Amino acid sequence: MYVMMCNLAVCDLLGGTVIMTQLISHFLTGNKTIGYVAAIVQAISVHFYGAAVSTFIIVATYKIQEISPDAKKFCAILFIIVPPTVNPIIYDIAMKDIRTNIVKFFK
């Protein structure tokens, strides 16, 4: 239980200091550029943040003994169906942005 609470504290610290500070600085200054070293440090930090959140979720779901088998089956089916359904929409939005940026670059 103490490991989960420590992991939650790490997740809160990483999420607040890595992601939000860069977003706020971009929003307030209007300057959307970032240096190479800062980008690498932010990318590594975001990956550590993702790993910490994933670890917390895995440990939290492992510790829960009150969930019925029917609810576990429903969650398993939900996790099988939802991501493949949502991925084409996400990739379509990303590809539209990439396509417009490529067209702007070559004009």
PDB file of N, CA and C in Angstrom:
ATOM      1  N   MET A   1       0.822  -1.194   0.000  1.00  0.00           N
ATOM      2  CA  MET A   1       0.000   0.000   0.000  1.00  0.00           C
ATOM      3  C   MET A   1       0.871   1.265   0.000  1.00  0.00           C
ATOM      4  N   TYR A   2       1.979   1.233   0.750  1.00  0.00           N
ATOM      5  CA  TYR A   2       2.856   2.398   0.791  1.00  0.00           C
ATOM      6  C   TYR A   2       3.543   2.623  -0.550  1.00  0.00           C
ATOM      7  N   VAL A   3       3.815   1.541  -1.256  1.00  0.00           N
ATOM      8  CA  VAL A   3       4.431   1.671  -2.575  1.00  0.00           C
ATOM      9  C   VAL A   3       3.462   2.360  -3.529  1.00  0.00           C
ATOM     10  N   MET A   4       2.180   2.008  -3.436  1.00  0.00           N
ATOM     11  CA  MET A   4       1.181   2.660  -4.292  1.00  0.00           C
ATOM     12  C   MET A   4       1.091   4.149  -3.989  1.00  0.00           C
ATOM     13  N   MET A   5       1.101   4.508  -2.742  1.00  0.00           N
ATOM     14  CA  MET A   5       0.996   5.915  -2.372  1.00  0.00           C
ATOM     15  C   MET A   5       2.242   6.688  -2.810  1.00  0.00           C
ATOM     16  N   CYS A   6       3.398   6.073  -2.704  1.00  0.00           N
ATOM     17  CA  CYS A   6       4.631   6.699  -3.163  1.00  0.00           C
ATOM     18  C   CYS A   6       4.598   6.869  -4.683  1.00  0.00           C
ATOM     19  N   ASN A   7       4.109   5.854  -5.382  1.00  0.00           N
ATOM     20  CA  ASN A   7       4.002   5.932  -6.836  1.00  0.00           C
ATOM     21  C   ASN A   7       3.008   7.020  -7.245  1.00  0.00           C
ATOM     22  N   LEU A   8       1.922   7.159  -6.505  1.00  0.00           N
ATOM     23  CA  LEU A   8       0.954   8.213  -6.791  1.00  0.00           C
ATOM     24  C   LEU A   8       1.585   9.591  -6.605  1.00  0.00           C
ATOM     25  N   ALA A   9       2.405   9.746  -5.577  1.00  0.00           N
ATOM     26  CA  ALA A   9       3.086  11.022  -5.361  1.00  0.00           C
ATOM     27  C   ALA A   9       4.053  11.324  -6.497  1.00  0.00           C
ATOM     28  N   VAL A  10       4.768  10.307  -6.974  1.00  0.00           N
ATOM     29  CA  VAL A  10       5.691  10.494  -8.099  1.00  0.00           C
ATOM     30  C   VAL A  10       4.914  10.884  -9.353  1.00  0.00           C
ATOM     31  N   CYS A  11       3.779  10.229  -9.583  1.00  0.00           N
ATOM     32  CA  CYS A  11       2.943  10.567 -10.746  1.00  0.00           C
ATOM     33  C   CYS A  11       2.473  12.012 -10.681  1.00  0.00           C
ATOM     34  N   ASP A  12       2.042  12.441  -9.513  1.00  0.00           N
ATOM     35  CA  ASP A  12       1.587  13.826  -9.373  1.00  0.00           C
ATOM     36  C   ASP A  12       2.722  14.821  -9.604  1.00  0.00           C
ATOM     37  N   LEU A  13       3.891  14.526  -9.055  1.00  0.00           N
ATOM     38  CA  LEU A  13       5.034  15.421  -9.255  1.00  0.00           C
ATOM     39  C   LEU A  13       5.466  15.478 -10.707  1.00  0.00           C
ATOM     40  N   LEU A  14       5.584  14.323 -11.357  1.00  0.00           N
ATOM     41  CA  LEU A  14       6.012  14.307 -12.753  1.00  0.00           C
ATOM     42  C   LEU A  14       4.988  14.962 -13.668  1.00  0.00           C
ATOM     43  N   GLY A  15       3.732  14.657 -13.450  1.00  0.00           N
ATOM     44  CA  GLY A  15       2.699  15.237 -14.303  1.00  0.00           C
ATOM     45  C   GLY A  15       2.625  16.743 -14.178  1.00  0.00           C
ATOM     46  N   GLY A  16       2.766  17.233 -12.959  1.00  0.00           N
ATOM     47  CA  GLY A  16       2.678  18.668 -12.744  1.00  0.00           C
ATOM     48  C   GLY A  16       3.904  19.442 -13.186  1.00  0.00           C
ATOM     49  N   THR A  17       5.077  18.827 -13.054  1.00  0.00           N
ATOM     50  CA  THR A  17       6.291  19.571 -13.366  1.00  0.00           C
ATOM     51  C   THR A  17       6.776  19.380 -14.791  1.00  0.00           C
ATOM     52  N   VAL A  18       6.480  18.258 -15.396  1.00  0.00           N
ATOM     53  CA  VAL A  18       6.990  17.993 -16.741  1.00  0.00           C
ATOM     54  C   VAL A  18       6.034  18.502 -17.808  1.00  0.00           C
ATOM     55  N   ILE A  19       4.794  18.159 -17.693  1.00  0.00           N
ATOM     56  CA  ILE A  19       3.845  18.441 -18.768  1.00  0.00           C
ATOM     57  C   ILE A  19       3.268  19.850 -18.648  1.00  0.00           C
ATOM     58  N   MET A  20       2.781  20.191 -17.481  1.00  0.00           N
ATOM     59  CA  MET A  20       2.043  21.446 -17.342  1.00  0.00           C
ATOM     60  C   MET A  20       2.938  22.681 -17.460  1.00  0.00           C
ATOM     61  N   THR A  21       4.170  22.624 -16.975  1.00  0.00           N
ATOM     62  CA  THR A  21       5.017  23.815 -17.049  1.00  0.00           C
ATOM     63  C   THR A  21       5.313  24.197 -18.492  1.00  0.00           C
ATOM     64  N   GLN A  22       5.556  23.219 -19.348  1.00  0.00           N
ATOM     65  CA  GLN A  22       5.823  23.513 -20.746  1.00  0.00           C
ATOM     66  C   GLN A  22       4.574  24.057 -21.434  1.00  0.00           C
ATOM     67  N   LEU A  23       3.414  23.493 -21.122  1.00  0.00           N
ATOM     68  CA  LEU A  23       2.169  23.981 -21.705  1.00  0.00           C
ATOM     69  C   LEU A  23       1.877  25.417 -21.281  1.00  0.00           C
ATOM     70  N   ILE A  24       2.094  25.712 -20.017  1.00  0.00           N
ATOM     71  CA  ILE A  24       1.841  27.060 -19.522  1.00  0.00           C
ATOM     72  C   ILE A  24       2.812  28.058 -20.141  1.00  0.00           C
ATOM     73  N   SER A  25       4.083  27.675 -20.273  1.00  0.00           N
ATOM     74  CA  SER A  25       5.047  28.604 -20.873  1.00  0.00           C
ATOM     75  C   SER A  25       4.718  28.868 -22.338  1.00  0.00           C
ATOM     76  N   HIS A  26       4.282  27.853 -23.071  1.00  0.00           N
ATOM     77  CA  HIS A  26       3.876  28.066 -24.462  1.00  0.00           C
ATOM     78  C   HIS A  26       2.650  28.964 -24.547  1.00  0.00           C
ATOM     79  N   PHE A  27       1.729  28.762 -23.625  1.00  0.00           N
ATOM     80  CA  PHE A  27       0.499  29.545 -23.641  1.00  0.00           C
ATOM     81  C   PHE A  27       0.764  31.009 -23.289  1.00  0.00           C
ATOM     82  N   LEU A  28       1.593  31.259 -22.285  1.00  0.00           N
ATOM     83  CA  LEU A  28       1.817  32.629 -21.838  1.00  0.00           C
ATOM     84  C   LEU A  28       2.747  33.414 -22.752  1.00  0.00           C
ATOM     85  N   THR A  29       3.798  32.781 -23.244  1.00  0.00           N
ATOM     86  CA  THR A  29       4.763  33.511 -24.063  1.00  0.00           C
ATOM     87  C   THR A  29       4.405  33.526 -25.545  1.00  0.00           C
ATOM     88  N   GLY A  30       3.675  32.540 -26.004  1.00  0.00           N
ATOM     89  CA  GLY A  30       3.357  32.455 -27.420  1.00  0.00           C
ATOM     90  C   GLY A  30       4.482  31.861 -28.235  1.00  0.00           C
ATOM     91  N   ASN A  31       5.631  31.629 -27.627  1.00  0.00           N
ATOM     92  CA  ASN A  31       6.773  31.035 -28.306  1.00  0.00           C
ATOM     93  C   ASN A  31       6.642  29.518 -28.224  1.00  0.00           C
ATOM     94  N   LYS A  32       6.445  28.874 -29.358  1.00  0.00           N
ATOM     95  CA  LYS A  32       6.196  27.440 -29.364  1.00  0.00           C
ATOM     96  C   LYS A  32       7.443  26.611 -29.702  1.00  0.00           C
ATOM     97  N   THR A  33       8.616  27.233 -29.706  1.00  0.00           N
ATOM     98  CA  THR A  33       9.837  26.498 -29.999  1.00  0.00           C
ATOM     99  C   THR A  33      10.455  25.962 -28.720  1.00  0.00           C
ATOM    100  N   ILE A  34      11.220  24.889 -28.879  1.00  0.00           N
ATOM    101  CA  ILE A  34      11.889  24.275 -27.741  1.00  0.00           C
ATOM    102  C   ILE A  34      13.244  23.788 -28.229  1.00  0.00           C
ATOM    103  N   GLY A  35      14.236  23.873 -27.382  1.00  0.00           N
ATOM    104  CA  GLY A  35      15.574  23.431 -27.743  1.00  0.00           C
ATOM    105  C   GLY A  35      15.664  21.914 -27.829  1.00  0.00           C
ATOM    106  N   TYR A  36      16.710  21.443 -28.501  1.00  0.00           N
ATOM    107  CA  TYR A  36      16.890  20.005 -28.704  1.00  0.00           C
ATOM    108  C   TYR A  36      17.053  19.260 -27.386  1.00  0.00           C
ATOM    109  N   VAL A  37      17.914  19.745 -26.522  1.00  0.00           N
ATOM    110  CA  VAL A  37      18.167  19.073 -25.245  1.00  0.00           C
ATOM    111  C   VAL A  37      16.911  19.101 -24.373  1.00  0.00           C
ATOM    112  N   ALA A  38      16.220  20.233 -24.353  1.00  0.00           N
ATOM    113  CA  ALA A  38      14.986  20.325 -23.572  1.00  0.00           C
ATOM    114  C   ALA A  38      13.928  19.366 -24.101  1.00  0.00           C
ATOM    115  N   ALA A  39      13.868  19.196 -25.413  1.00  0.00           N
ATOM    116  CA  ALA A  39      12.899  18.272 -25.997  1.00  0.00           C
ATOM    117  C   ALA A  39      13.212  16.828 -25.613  1.00  0.00           C
ATOM    118  N   ILE A  40      14.493  16.476 -25.625  1.00  0.00           N
ATOM    119  CA  ILE A  40      14.887  15.120 -25.238  1.00  0.00           C
ATOM    120  C   ILE A  40      14.576  14.873 -23.766  1.00  0.00           C
ATOM    121  N   VAL A  41      14.894  15.848 -22.915  1.00  0.00           N
ATOM    122  CA  VAL A  41      14.618  15.703 -21.484  1.00  0.00           C
ATOM    123  C   VAL A  41      13.117  15.587 -21.239  1.00  0.00           C
ATOM    124  N   GLN A  42      12.330  16.393 -21.945  1.00  0.00           N
ATOM    125  CA  GLN A  42      10.882  16.324 -21.770  1.00  0.00           C
ATOM    126  C   GLN A  42      10.331  14.998 -22.279  1.00  0.00           C
ATOM    127  N   ALA A  43      10.847  14.488 -23.392  1.00  0.00           N
ATOM    128  CA  ALA A  43      10.374  13.210 -23.920  1.00  0.00           C
ATOM    129  C   ALA A  43      10.680  12.070 -22.949  1.00  0.00           C
ATOM    130  N   ILE A  44      11.891  12.067 -22.397  1.00  0.00           N
ATOM    131  CA  ILE A  44      12.252  11.021 -21.437  1.00  0.00           C
ATOM    132  C   ILE A  44      11.389  11.140 -20.186  1.00  0.00           C
ATOM    133  N   SER A  45      11.146  12.359 -19.729  1.00  0.00           N
ATOM    134  CA  SER A  45      10.321  12.563 -18.538  1.00  0.00           C
ATOM    135  C   SER A  45       8.884  12.124 -18.774  1.00  0.00           C
ATOM    136  N   VAL A  46       8.351  12.402 -19.943  1.00  0.00           N
ATOM    137  CA  VAL A  46       6.983  11.984 -20.253  1.00  0.00           C
ATOM    138  C   VAL A  46       6.894  10.457 -20.304  1.00  0.00           C
ATOM    139  N   HIS A  47       7.938   9.802 -20.812  1.00  0.00           N
ATOM    140  CA  HIS A  47       7.933   8.339 -20.828  1.00  0.00           C
ATOM    141  C   HIS A  47       7.994   7.769 -19.419  1.00  0.00           C
ATOM    142  N   PHE A  48       8.803   8.383 -18.549  1.00  0.00           N
ATOM    143  CA  PHE A  48       8.826   7.953 -17.156  1.00  0.00           C
ATOM    144  C   PHE A  48       7.474   8.201 -16.485  1.00  0.00           C
ATOM    145  N   TYR A  49       6.842   9.310 -16.814  1.00  0.00           N
ATOM    146  CA  TYR A  49       5.516   9.602 -16.279  1.00  0.00           C
ATOM    147  C   TYR A  49       4.518   8.533 -16.716  1.00  0.00           C
ATOM    148  N   GLY A  50       4.555   8.177 -17.996  1.00  0.00           N
ATOM    149  CA  GLY A  50       3.657   7.125 -18.488  1.00  0.00           C
ATOM    150  C   GLY A  50       3.902   5.794 -17.805  1.00  0.00           C
ATOM    151  N   ALA A  51       5.161   5.458 -17.594  1.00  0.00           N
ATOM    152  CA  ALA A  51       5.487   4.202 -16.916  1.00  0.00           C
ATOM    153  C   ALA A  51       5.013   4.235 -15.464  1.00  0.00           C
ATOM    154  N   ALA A  52       5.162   5.367 -14.809  1.00  0.00           N
ATOM    155  CA  ALA A  52       4.720   5.470 -13.416  1.00  0.00           C
ATOM    156  C   ALA A  52       3.208   5.364 -13.307  1.00  0.00           C
ATOM    157  N   VAL A  53       2.486   6.010 -14.211  1.00  0.00           N
ATOM    158  CA  VAL A  53       1.030   5.934 -14.188  1.00  0.00           C
ATOM    159  C   VAL A  53       0.574   4.517 -14.497  1.00  0.00           C
ATOM    160  N   SER A  54       1.205   3.881 -15.465  1.00  0.00           N
ATOM    161  CA  SER A  54       0.844   2.503 -15.800  1.00  0.00           C
ATOM    162  C   SER A  54       1.090   1.569 -14.627  1.00  0.00           C
ATOM    163  N   THR A  55       2.211   1.759 -13.950  1.00  0.00           N
ATOM    164  CA  THR A  55       2.515   0.937 -12.786  1.00  0.00           C
ATOM    165  C   THR A  55       1.483   1.154 -11.692  1.00  0.00           C
ATOM    166  N   PHE A  56       1.110   2.394 -11.471  1.00  0.00           N
ATOM    167  CA  PHE A  56       0.100   2.682 -10.448  1.00  0.00           C
ATOM    168  C   PHE A  56      -1.228   2.023 -10.796  1.00  0.00           C
ATOM    169  N   ILE A  57      -1.628   2.103 -12.058  1.00  0.00           N
ATOM    170  CA  ILE A  57      -2.904   1.507 -12.464  1.00  0.00           C
ATOM    171  C   ILE A  57      -2.859  -0.009 -12.331  1.00  0.00           C
ATOM    172  N   ILE A  58      -1.744  -0.621 -12.710  1.00  0.00           N
ATOM    173  CA  ILE A  58      -1.627  -2.077 -12.593  1.00  0.00           C
ATOM    174  C   ILE A  58      -1.702  -2.510 -11.142  1.00  0.00           C
ATOM    175  N   VAL A  59      -0.964  -1.821 -10.281  1.00  0.00           N
ATOM    176  CA  VAL A  59      -0.969  -2.184  -8.857  1.00  0.00           C
ATOM    177  C   VAL A  59      -2.335  -1.930  -8.248  1.00  0.00           C
ATOM    178  N   ALA A  60      -2.972  -0.827  -8.618  1.00  0.00           N
ATOM    179  CA  ALA A  60      -4.286  -0.504  -8.059  1.00  0.00           C
ATOM    180  C   ALA A  60      -5.324  -1.533  -8.482  1.00  0.00           C
ATOM    181  N   THR A  61      -5.297  -1.964  -9.738  1.00  0.00           N
ATOM    182  CA  THR A  61      -6.278  -2.958 -10.168  1.00  0.00           C
ATOM    183  C   THR A  61      -5.970  -4.337  -9.605  1.00  0.00           C
ATOM    184  N   TYR A  62      -4.702  -4.617  -9.358  1.00  0.00           N
ATOM    185  CA  TYR A  62      -4.339  -5.902  -8.769  1.00  0.00           C
ATOM    186  C   TYR A  62      -4.808  -5.994  -7.327  1.00  0.00           C
ATOM    187  N   LYS A  63      -4.786  -4.880  -6.609  1.00  0.00           N
ATOM    188  CA  LYS A  63      -5.158  -4.869  -5.197  1.00  0.00           C
ATOM    189  C   LYS A  63      -6.669  -4.938  -4.970  1.00  0.00           C
ATOM    190  N   ILE A  64      -7.467  -4.605  -5.969  1.00  0.00           N
ATOM    191  CA  ILE A  64      -8.924  -4.585  -5.789  1.00  0.00           C
ATOM    192  C   ILE A  64      -9.459  -5.999  -5.845  1.00  0.00           C
ATOM    193  N   GLN A  65     -10.016  -6.557  -4.711  1.00  0.00           N
ATOM    194  CA  GLN A  65     -10.557  -7.928  -4.602  1.00  0.00           C
ATOM    195  C   GLN A  65     -12.098  -7.932  -4.611  1.00  0.00           C
ATOM    196  N   GLU A  66     -12.783  -6.710  -4.567  1.00  0.00           N
ATOM    197  CA  GLU A  66     -14.234  -6.681  -4.461  1.00  0.00           C
ATOM    198  C   GLU A  66     -14.940  -6.737  -5.807  1.00  0.00           C
ATOM    199  N   ILE A  67     -14.194  -6.680  -6.923  1.00  0.00           N
ATOM    200  CA  ILE A  67     -14.834  -6.658  -8.242  1.00  0.00           C
ATOM    201  C   ILE A  67     -15.328  -8.058  -8.576  1.00  0.00           C
ATOM    202  N   SER A  68     -16.572  -8.110  -9.073  1.00  0.00           N
ATOM    203  CA  SER A  68     -17.151  -9.402  -9.429  1.00  0.00           C
ATOM    204  C   SER A  68     -16.528  -9.922 -10.720  1.00  0.00           C
ATOM    205  N   PRO A  69     -16.577 -11.225 -10.944  1.00  0.00           N
ATOM    206  CA  PRO A  69     -16.037 -11.779 -12.191  1.00  0.00           C
ATOM    207  C   PRO A  69     -16.747 -11.239 -13.433  1.00  0.00           C
ATOM    208  N   ASP A  70     -18.042 -10.937 -13.308  1.00  0.00           N
ATOM    209  CA  ASP A  70     -18.768 -10.378 -14.451  1.00  0.00           C
ATOM    210  C   ASP A  70     -18.242  -8.994 -14.822  1.00  0.00           C
ATOM    211  N   ALA A  71     -17.916  -8.185 -13.796  1.00  0.00           N
ATOM    212  CA  ALA A  71     -17.364  -6.858 -14.063  1.00  0.00           C
ATOM    213  C   ALA A  71     -15.981  -6.965 -14.685  1.00  0.00           C
ATOM    214  N   LYS A  72     -15.187  -7.948 -14.252  1.00  0.00           N
ATOM    215  CA  LYS A  72     -13.869  -8.150 -14.849  1.00  0.00           C
ATOM    216  C   LYS A  72     -13.986  -8.558 -16.308  1.00  0.00           C
ATOM    217  N   LYS A  73     -14.963  -9.413 -16.611  1.00  0.00           N
ATOM    218  CA  LYS A  73     -15.185  -9.826 -17.998  1.00  0.00           C
ATOM    219  C   LYS A  73     -15.613  -8.628 -18.845  1.00  0.00           C
ATOM    220  N   PHE A  74     -16.492  -7.796 -18.291  1.00  0.00           N
ATOM    221  CA  PHE A  74     -16.948  -6.612 -19.019  1.00  0.00           C
ATOM    222  C   PHE A  74     -15.783  -5.665 -19.302  1.00  0.00           C
ATOM    223  N   CYS A  75     -14.928  -5.443 -18.313  1.00  0.00           N
ATOM    224  CA  CYS A  75     -13.762  -4.567 -18.507  1.00  0.00           C
ATOM    225  C   CYS A  75     -12.800  -5.146 -19.537  1.00  0.00           C
ATOM    226  N   ALA A  76     -12.607  -6.465 -19.512  1.00  0.00           N
ATOM    227  CA  ALA A  76     -11.717  -7.093 -20.479  1.00  0.00           C
ATOM    228  C   ALA A  76     -12.255  -6.923 -21.898  1.00  0.00           C
ATOM    229  N   ILE A  77     -13.556  -7.131 -22.063  1.00  0.00           N
ATOM    230  CA  ILE A  77     -14.165  -6.952 -23.386  1.00  0.00           C
ATOM    231  C   ILE A  77     -14.105  -5.494 -23.810  1.00  0.00           C
ATOM    232  N   LEU A  78     -14.330  -4.594 -22.858  1.00  0.00           N
ATOM    233  CA  LEU A  78     -14.277  -3.164 -23.157  1.00  0.00           C
ATOM    234  C   LEU A  78     -12.890  -2.747 -23.631  1.00  0.00           C
ATOM    235  N   PHE A  79     -11.848  -3.248 -22.967  1.00  0.00           N
ATOM    236  CA  PHE A  79     -10.482  -2.902 -23.369  1.00  0.00           C
ATOM    237  C   PHE A  79     -10.080  -3.544 -24.692  1.00  0.00           C
ATOM    238  N   ILE A  80     -10.759  -4.606 -25.087  1.00  0.00           N
ATOM    239  CA  ILE A  80     -10.490  -5.213 -26.387  1.00  0.00           C
ATOM    240  C   ILE A  80     -11.190  -4.443 -27.497  1.00  0.00           C
ATOM    241  N   ILE A  81     -12.370  -3.903 -27.225  1.00  0.00           N
ATOM    242  CA  ILE A  81     -13.181  -3.257 -28.263  1.00  0.00           C
ATOM    243  C   ILE A  81     -12.852  -1.775 -28.440  1.00  0.00           C
ATOM    244  N   VAL A  82     -12.686  -1.032 -27.366  1.00  0.00           N
ATOM    245  CA  VAL A  82     -12.578   0.425 -27.450  1.00  0.00           C
ATOM    246  C   VAL A  82     -11.305   0.915 -28.154  1.00  0.00           C
ATOM    247  N   PRO A  83     -10.096   0.474 -27.796  1.00  0.00           N
ATOM    248  CA  PRO A  83      -8.912   1.027 -28.468  1.00  0.00           C
ATOM    249  C   PRO A  83      -8.889   0.833 -29.987  1.00  0.00           C
ATOM    250  N   PRO A  84      -9.214  -0.365 -30.515  1.00  0.00           N
ATOM    251  CA  PRO A  84      -9.215  -0.466 -31.980  1.00  0.00           C
ATOM    252  C   PRO A  84     -10.290   0.392 -32.642  1.00  0.00           C
ATOM    253  N   THR A  85     -11.341   0.689 -31.910  1.00  0.00           N
ATOM    254  CA  THR A  85     -12.391   1.530 -32.465  1.00  0.00           C
ATOM    255  C   THR A  85     -11.967   2.993 -32.497  1.00  0.00           C
ATOM    256  N   VAL A  86     -11.253   3.443 -31.486  1.00  0.00           N
ATOM    257  CA  VAL A  86     -10.874   4.845 -31.379  1.00  0.00           C
ATOM    258  C   VAL A  86      -9.599   5.160 -32.176  1.00  0.00           C
ATOM    259  N   ASN A  87      -8.712   4.194 -32.353  1.00  0.00           N
ATOM    260  CA  ASN A  87      -7.439   4.441 -33.042  1.00  0.00           C
ATOM    261  C   ASN A  87      -7.599   5.009 -34.446  1.00  0.00           C
ATOM    262  N   PRO A  88      -8.501   4.506 -35.309  1.00  0.00           N
ATOM    263  CA  PRO A  88      -8.621   5.118 -36.640  1.00  0.00           C
ATOM    264  C   PRO A  88      -9.013   6.586 -36.591  1.00  0.00           C
ATOM    265  N   ILE A  89      -9.827   6.964 -35.627  1.00  0.00           N
ATOM    266  CA  ILE A  89     -10.234   8.367 -35.500  1.00  0.00           C
ATOM    267  C   ILE A  89      -9.023   9.217 -35.112  1.00  0.00           C
ATOM    268  N   ILE A  90      -8.229   8.731 -34.162  1.00  0.00           N
ATOM    269  CA  ILE A  90      -7.047   9.477 -33.726  1.00  0.00           C
ATOM    270  C   ILE A  90      -6.042   9.603 -34.857  1.00  0.00           C
ATOM    271  N   TYR A  91      -5.789   8.509 -35.567  1.00  0.00           N
ATOM    272  CA  TYR A  91      -4.832   8.551 -36.671  1.00  0.00           C
ATOM    273  C   TYR A  91      -5.334   9.425 -37.808  1.00  0.00           C
ATOM    274  N   ASP A  92      -6.643   9.439 -38.044  1.00  0.00           N
ATOM    275  CA  ASP A  92      -7.207  10.289 -39.096  1.00  0.00           C
ATOM    276  C   ASP A  92      -6.985  11.760 -38.774  1.00  0.00           C
ATOM    277  N   ILE A  93      -7.197  12.131 -37.516  1.00  0.00           N
ATOM    278  CA  ILE A  93      -6.977  13.521 -37.106  1.00  0.00           C
ATOM    279  C   ILE A  93      -5.491  13.875 -37.236  1.00  0.00           C
ATOM    280  N   ALA A  94      -4.622  12.973 -36.798  1.00  0.00           N
ATOM    281  CA  ALA A  94      -3.187  13.236 -36.891  1.00  0.00           C
ATOM    282  C   ALA A  94      -2.737  13.326 -38.347  1.00  0.00           C
ATOM    283  N   MET A  95      -3.251  12.467 -39.189  1.00  0.00           N
ATOM    284  CA  MET A  95      -2.849  12.481 -40.605  1.00  0.00           C
ATOM    285  C   MET A  95      -3.327  13.749 -41.303  1.00  0.00           C
ATOM    286  N   LYS A  96      -4.504  14.267 -40.925  1.00  0.00           N
ATOM    287  CA  LYS A  96      -4.970  15.528 -41.504  1.00  0.00           C
ATOM    288  C   LYS A  96      -4.017  16.663 -41.141  1.00  0.00           C
ATOM    289  N   ASP A  97      -3.559  16.693 -39.892  1.00  0.00           N
ATOM    290  CA  ASP A  97      -2.614  17.721 -39.470  1.00  0.00           C
ATOM    291  C   ASP A  97      -1.289  17.584 -40.208  1.00  0.00           C
ATOM    292  N   ILE A  98      -0.817  16.352 -40.341  1.00  0.00           N
ATOM    293  CA  ILE A  98       0.445  16.124 -41.043  1.00  0.00           C
ATOM    294  C   ILE A  98       0.310  16.503 -42.506  1.00  0.00           C
ATOM    295  N   ARG A  99      -0.812  16.132 -43.109  1.00  0.00           N
ATOM    296  CA  ARG A  99      -1.037  16.441 -44.518  1.00  0.00           C
ATOM    297  C   ARG A  99      -1.066  17.946 -44.757  1.00  0.00           C
ATOM    298  N   THR A 100      -1.754  18.697 -43.898  1.00  0.00           N
ATOM    299  CA  THR A 100      -1.813  20.153 -44.076  1.00  0.00           C
ATOM    300  C   THR A 100      -0.438  20.785 -43.854  1.00  0.00           C
ATOM    301  N   ASN A 101       0.343  20.263 -42.908  1.00  0.00           N
ATOM    302  CA  ASN A 101       1.689  20.799 -42.688  1.00  0.00           C
ATOM    303  C   ASN A 101       2.610  20.514 -43.868  1.00  0.00           C
ATOM    304  N   ILE A 102       2.475  19.348 -44.479  1.00  0.00           N
ATOM    305  CA  ILE A 102       3.299  19.033 -45.648  1.00  0.00           C
ATOM    306  C   ILE A 102       2.924  19.946 -46.818  1.00  0.00           C
ATOM    307  N   VAL A 103       1.626  20.163 -47.015  1.00  0.00           N
ATOM    308  CA  VAL A 103       1.182  21.044 -48.098  1.00  0.00           C
ATOM    309  C   VAL A 103       1.683  22.463 -47.860  1.00  0.00           C
ATOM    310  N   LYS A 104       1.623  22.942 -46.611  1.00  0.00           N
ATOM    311  CA  LYS A 104       2.119  24.287 -46.289  1.00  0.00           C
ATOM    312  C   LYS A 104       3.630  24.372 -46.519  1.00  0.00           C
ATOM    313  N   PHE A 105       4.351  23.312 -46.209  1.00  0.00           N
ATOM    314  CA  PHE A 105       5.804  23.311 -46.358  1.00  0.00           C
ATOM    315  C   PHE A 105       6.214  23.423 -47.819  1.00  0.00           C
ATOM    316  N   PHE A 106       5.526  22.717 -48.685  1.00  0.00           N
ATOM    317  CA  PHE A 106       5.921  22.702 -50.091  1.00  0.00           C
ATOM    318  C   PHE A 106       5.323  23.835 -50.909  1.00  0.00           C
ATOM    319  N   LYS A 107       4.465  24.673 -50.327  1.00  0.00           N
ATOM    320  CA  LYS A 107       3.903  25.806 -51.077  1.00  0.00           C
ATOM    321  C   LYS A 107       4.836  26.968 -51.095  1.00  0.00           C
TER     322      LYS A 107
END
